[in-house]
């Protein structure tokens, strides 16, 4: 929590992709287009291989 942040909560732009076994499969900097593109491919791969 951050009392100076809007609505009292501050967060980063990072996303984490976690599989059904709770393993981290990918990490993405949501402010970097190349990172987002890779993350989207990782999501597709995980869906296809579940």
PDB file of N, CA and C in Angstrom:
ATOM      1  N   UNK A   1       0.831  -1.187   0.000  1.00  0.00           N
ATOM      2  CA  UNK A   1       0.000   0.000   0.000  1.00  0.00           C
ATOM      3  C   UNK A   1       0.871   1.243   0.000  1.00  0.00           C
ATOM      4  N   UNK A   2       0.344   2.289  -0.621  1.00  0.00           N
ATOM      5  CA  UNK A   2       1.064   3.551  -0.712  1.00  0.00           C
ATOM      6  C   UNK A   2       0.058   4.686  -0.561  1.00  0.00           C
ATOM      7  N   UNK A   3       0.076   5.366   0.576  1.00  0.00           N
ATOM      8  CA  UNK A   3      -0.913   6.422   0.794  1.00  0.00           C
ATOM      9  C   UNK A   3      -0.801   7.573  -0.208  1.00  0.00           C
ATOM     10  N   UNK A   4       0.347   7.712  -0.873  1.00  0.00           N
ATOM     11  CA  UNK A   4       0.518   8.785  -1.851  1.00  0.00           C
ATOM     12  C   UNK A   4       0.068   8.391  -3.261  1.00  0.00           C
ATOM     13  N   UNK A   5      -0.176   7.117  -3.480  1.00  0.00           N
ATOM     14  CA  UNK A   5      -0.587   6.629  -4.799  1.00  0.00           C
ATOM     15  C   UNK A   5      -2.104   6.777  -4.963  1.00  0.00           C
ATOM     16  N   UNK A   6      -2.569   6.865  -6.204  1.00  0.00           N
ATOM     17  CA  UNK A   6      -4.018   6.921  -6.430  1.00  0.00           C
ATOM     18  C   UNK A   6      -4.717   5.714  -5.812  1.00  0.00           C
ATOM     19  N   UNK A   7      -5.754   5.964  -5.070  1.00  0.00           N
ATOM     20  CA  UNK A   7      -6.543   4.928  -4.377  1.00  0.00           C
ATOM     21  C   UNK A   7      -5.733   4.144  -3.347  1.00  0.00           C
ATOM     22  N   UNK A   8      -4.548   4.641  -3.011  1.00  0.00           N
ATOM     23  CA  UNK A   8      -3.757   4.049  -1.939  1.00  0.00           C
ATOM     24  C   UNK A   8      -2.961   2.814  -2.302  1.00  0.00           C
ATOM     25  N   UNK A   9      -2.881   2.489  -3.594  1.00  0.00           N
ATOM     26  CA  UNK A   9      -2.157   1.281  -4.001  1.00  0.00           C
ATOM     27  C   UNK A   9      -1.300   1.594  -5.214  1.00  0.00           C
ATOM     28  N   UNK A  10      -0.047   1.214  -5.152  1.00  0.00           N
ATOM     29  CA  UNK A  10       0.879   1.410  -6.262  1.00  0.00           C
ATOM     30  C   UNK A  10       1.277   0.042  -6.798  1.00  0.00           C
ATOM     31  N   UNK A  11       1.425  -0.063  -8.097  1.00  0.00           N
ATOM     32  CA  UNK A  11       1.814  -1.343  -8.689  1.00  0.00           C
ATOM     33  C   UNK A  11       2.803  -1.109  -9.820  1.00  0.00           C
ATOM     34  N   UNK A  12       3.468  -2.183 -10.203  1.00  0.00           N
ATOM     35  CA  UNK A  12       4.414  -2.102 -11.316  1.00  0.00           C
ATOM     36  C   UNK A  12       3.698  -2.497 -12.603  1.00  0.00           C
ATOM     37  N   UNK A  13       4.406  -2.462 -13.697  1.00  0.00           N
ATOM     38  CA  UNK A  13       3.840  -2.859 -14.980  1.00  0.00           C
ATOM     39  C   UNK A  13       4.176  -4.290 -15.357  1.00  0.00           C
ATOM     40  N   UNK A  14       4.571  -5.100 -14.400  1.00  0.00           N
ATOM     41  CA  UNK A  14       4.990  -6.475 -14.676  1.00  0.00           C
ATOM     42  C   UNK A  14       3.813  -7.438 -14.595  1.00  0.00           C
ATOM     43  N   UNK A  15       3.835  -8.448 -15.480  1.00  0.00           N
ATOM     44  CA  UNK A  15       2.857  -9.527 -15.475  1.00  0.00           C
ATOM     45  C   UNK A  15       3.614 -10.842 -15.340  1.00  0.00           C
ATOM     46  N   UNK A  16       2.985 -11.807 -14.682  1.00  0.00           N
ATOM     47  CA  UNK A  16       3.587 -13.125 -14.499  1.00  0.00           C
ATOM     48  C   UNK A  16       2.591 -14.169 -14.988  1.00  0.00           C
ATOM     49  N   UNK A  17       3.047 -15.070 -15.850  1.00  0.00           N
ATOM     50  CA  UNK A  17       2.222 -16.159 -16.356  1.00  0.00           C
ATOM     51  C   UNK A  17       2.526 -17.404 -15.534  1.00  0.00           C
ATOM     52  N   UNK A  18       1.505 -17.949 -14.896  1.00  0.00           N
ATOM     53  CA  UNK A  18       1.658 -19.104 -14.011  1.00  0.00           C
ATOM     54  C   UNK A  18       0.799 -20.237 -14.555  1.00  0.00           C
ATOM     55  N   UNK A  19       1.364 -21.441 -14.634  1.00  0.00           N
ATOM     56  CA  UNK A  19       0.619 -22.573 -15.175  1.00  0.00           C
ATOM     57  C   UNK A  19      -0.252 -23.225 -14.108  1.00  0.00           C
ATOM     58  N   UNK A  20      -0.952 -24.282 -14.513  1.00  0.00           N
ATOM     59  CA  UNK A  20      -1.892 -24.956 -13.615  1.00  0.00           C
ATOM     60  C   UNK A  20      -1.206 -25.613 -12.418  1.00  0.00           C
ATOM     61  N   UNK A  21       0.099 -25.842 -12.517  1.00  0.00           N
ATOM     62  CA  UNK A  21       0.856 -26.410 -11.400  1.00  0.00           C
ATOM     63  C   UNK A  21       1.541 -25.335 -10.562  1.00  0.00           C
ATOM     64  N   UNK A  22       1.191 -24.102 -10.838  1.00  0.00           N
ATOM     65  CA  UNK A  22       1.709 -22.939 -10.118  1.00  0.00           C
ATOM     66  C   UNK A  22       3.191 -22.662 -10.397  1.00  0.00           C
ATOM     67  N   UNK A  23       3.650 -23.081 -11.581  1.00  0.00           N
ATOM     68  CA  UNK A  23       5.012 -22.763 -12.002  1.00  0.00           C
ATOM     69  C   UNK A  23       4.992 -21.470 -12.817  1.00  0.00           C
ATOM     70  N   UNK A  24       5.988 -20.632 -12.595  1.00  0.00           N
ATOM     71  CA  UNK A  24       6.110 -19.415 -13.388  1.00  0.00           C
ATOM     72  C   UNK A  24       6.614 -19.805 -14.772  1.00  0.00           C
ATOM     73  N   UNK A  25       5.847 -19.460 -15.800  1.00  0.00           N
ATOM     74  CA  UNK A  25       6.193 -19.806 -17.171  1.00  0.00           C
ATOM     75  C   UNK A  25       6.746 -18.635 -17.965  1.00  0.00           C
ATOM     76  N   UNK A  26       6.394 -17.420 -17.553  1.00  0.00           N
ATOM     77  CA  UNK A  26       6.862 -16.248 -18.284  1.00  0.00           C
ATOM     78  C   UNK A  26       6.672 -15.014 -17.418  1.00  0.00           C
ATOM     79  N   UNK A  27       7.511 -14.028 -17.675  1.00  0.00           N
ATOM     80  CA  UNK A  27       7.424 -12.741 -16.987  1.00  0.00           C
ATOM     81  C   UNK A  27       7.450 -11.662 -18.061  1.00  0.00           C
ATOM     82  N   UNK A  28       6.645 -10.631 -17.884  1.00  0.00           N
ATOM     83  CA  UNK A  28       6.507  -9.611 -18.917  1.00  0.00           C
ATOM     84  C   UNK A  28       6.532  -8.218 -18.318  1.00  0.00           C
ATOM     85  N   UNK A  29       7.312  -7.353 -18.941  1.00  0.00           N
ATOM     86  CA  UNK A  29       7.273  -5.931 -18.622  1.00  0.00           C
ATOM     87  C   UNK A  29       6.187  -5.329 -19.508  1.00  0.00           C
ATOM     88  N   UNK A  30       5.061  -4.995 -18.922  1.00  0.00           N
ATOM     89  CA  UNK A  30       3.913  -4.513 -19.678  1.00  0.00           C
ATOM     90  C   UNK A  30       4.118  -3.193 -20.384  1.00  0.00           C
ATOM     91  N   UNK A  31       5.226  -2.525 -20.122  1.00  0.00           N
ATOM     92  CA  UNK A  31       5.502  -1.257 -20.802  1.00  0.00           C
ATOM     93  C   UNK A  31       6.464  -1.422 -21.974  1.00  0.00           C
ATOM     94  N   UNK A  32       6.897  -2.654 -22.231  1.00  0.00           N
ATOM     95  CA  UNK A  32       7.840  -2.938 -23.318  1.00  0.00           C
ATOM     96  C   UNK A  32       7.133  -3.766 -24.396  1.00  0.00           C
ATOM     97  N   UNK A  33       6.893  -3.208 -25.573  1.00  0.00           N
ATOM     98  CA  UNK A  33       6.157  -3.925 -26.620  1.00  0.00           C
ATOM     99  C   UNK A  33       6.755  -5.283 -26.992  1.00  0.00           C
ATOM    100  N   UNK A  34       8.073  -5.397 -27.038  1.00  0.00           N
ATOM    101  CA  UNK A  34       8.694  -6.688 -27.366  1.00  0.00           C
ATOM    102  C   UNK A  34       8.415  -7.717 -26.277  1.00  0.00           C
ATOM    103  N   UNK A  35       8.456  -7.291 -25.036  1.00  0.00           N
ATOM    104  CA  UNK A  35       8.168  -8.182 -23.923  1.00  0.00           C
ATOM    105  C   UNK A  35       6.708  -8.637 -23.963  1.00  0.00           C
ATOM    106  N   UNK A  36       5.806  -7.722 -24.299  1.00  0.00           N
ATOM    107  CA  UNK A  36       4.381  -8.059 -24.395  1.00  0.00           C
ATOM    108  C   UNK A  36       4.149  -9.048 -25.530  1.00  0.00           C
ATOM    109  N   UNK A  37       4.790  -8.842 -26.684  1.00  0.00           N
ATOM    110  CA  UNK A  37       4.646  -9.770 -27.806  1.00  0.00           C
ATOM    111  C   UNK A  37       5.085 -11.174 -27.417  1.00  0.00           C
ATOM    112  N   UNK A  38       6.231 -11.284 -26.758  1.00  0.00           N
ATOM    113  CA  UNK A  38       6.713 -12.593 -26.318  1.00  0.00           C
ATOM    114  C   UNK A  38       5.756 -13.207 -25.306  1.00  0.00           C
ATOM    115  N   UNK A  39       5.253 -12.395 -24.399  1.00  0.00           N
ATOM    116  CA  UNK A  39       4.329 -12.869 -23.372  1.00  0.00           C
ATOM    117  C   UNK A  39       3.056 -13.432 -24.012  1.00  0.00           C
ATOM    118  N   UNK A  40       2.547 -12.750 -25.025  1.00  0.00           N
ATOM    119  CA  UNK A  40       1.347 -13.228 -25.714  1.00  0.00           C
ATOM    120  C   UNK A  40       1.609 -14.576 -26.389  1.00  0.00           C
ATOM    121  N   UNK A  41       2.787 -14.749 -26.964  1.00  0.00           N
ATOM    122  CA  UNK A  41       3.147 -16.037 -27.562  1.00  0.00           C
ATOM    123  C   UNK A  41       3.254 -17.112 -26.487  1.00  0.00           C
ATOM    124  N   UNK A  42       3.802 -16.749 -25.334  1.00  0.00           N
ATOM    125  CA  UNK A  42       3.909 -17.699 -24.230  1.00  0.00           C
ATOM    126  C   UNK A  42       2.526 -18.119 -23.731  1.00  0.00           C
ATOM    127  N   UNK A  43       1.587 -17.188 -23.711  1.00  0.00           N
ATOM    128  CA  UNK A  43       0.210 -17.517 -23.316  1.00  0.00           C
ATOM    129  C   UNK A  43      -0.387 -18.507 -24.304  1.00  0.00           C
ATOM    130  N   UNK A  44      -0.239 -18.230 -25.605  1.00  0.00           N
ATOM    131  CA  UNK A  44      -0.754 -19.140 -26.631  1.00  0.00           C
ATOM    132  C   UNK A  44      -0.139 -20.525 -26.483  1.00  0.00           C
ATOM    133  N   UNK A  45       1.176 -20.572 -26.273  1.00  0.00           N
ATOM    134  CA  UNK A  45       1.854 -21.863 -26.110  1.00  0.00           C
ATOM    135  C   UNK A  45       1.290 -22.622 -24.913  1.00  0.00           C
ATOM    136  N   UNK A  46       1.106 -21.929 -23.808  1.00  0.00           N
ATOM    137  CA  UNK A  46       0.616 -22.587 -22.598  1.00  0.00           C
ATOM    138  C   UNK A  46      -0.799 -23.120 -22.805  1.00  0.00           C
ATOM    139  N   UNK A  47      -1.655 -22.344 -23.456  1.00  0.00           N
ATOM    140  CA  UNK A  47      -3.023 -22.802 -23.728  1.00  0.00           C
ATOM    141  C   UNK A  47      -3.005 -24.051 -24.600  1.00  0.00           C
ATOM    142  N   UNK A  48      -2.170 -24.072 -25.623  1.00  0.00           N
ATOM    143  CA  UNK A  48      -2.092 -25.212 -26.537  1.00  0.00           C
ATOM    144  C   UNK A  48      -1.516 -26.458 -25.871  1.00  0.00           C
ATOM    145  N   UNK A  49      -0.709 -26.281 -24.850  1.00  0.00           N
ATOM    146  CA  UNK A  49      -0.010 -27.415 -24.238  1.00  0.00           C
ATOM    147  C   UNK A  49      -0.507 -27.766 -22.843  1.00  0.00           C
ATOM    148  N   UNK A  50      -1.648 -27.276 -22.480  1.00  0.00           N
ATOM    149  CA  UNK A  50      -2.203 -27.603 -21.159  1.00  0.00           C
ATOM    150  C   UNK A  50      -2.793 -28.997 -21.166  1.00  0.00           C
TER     151      UNK A  50
END
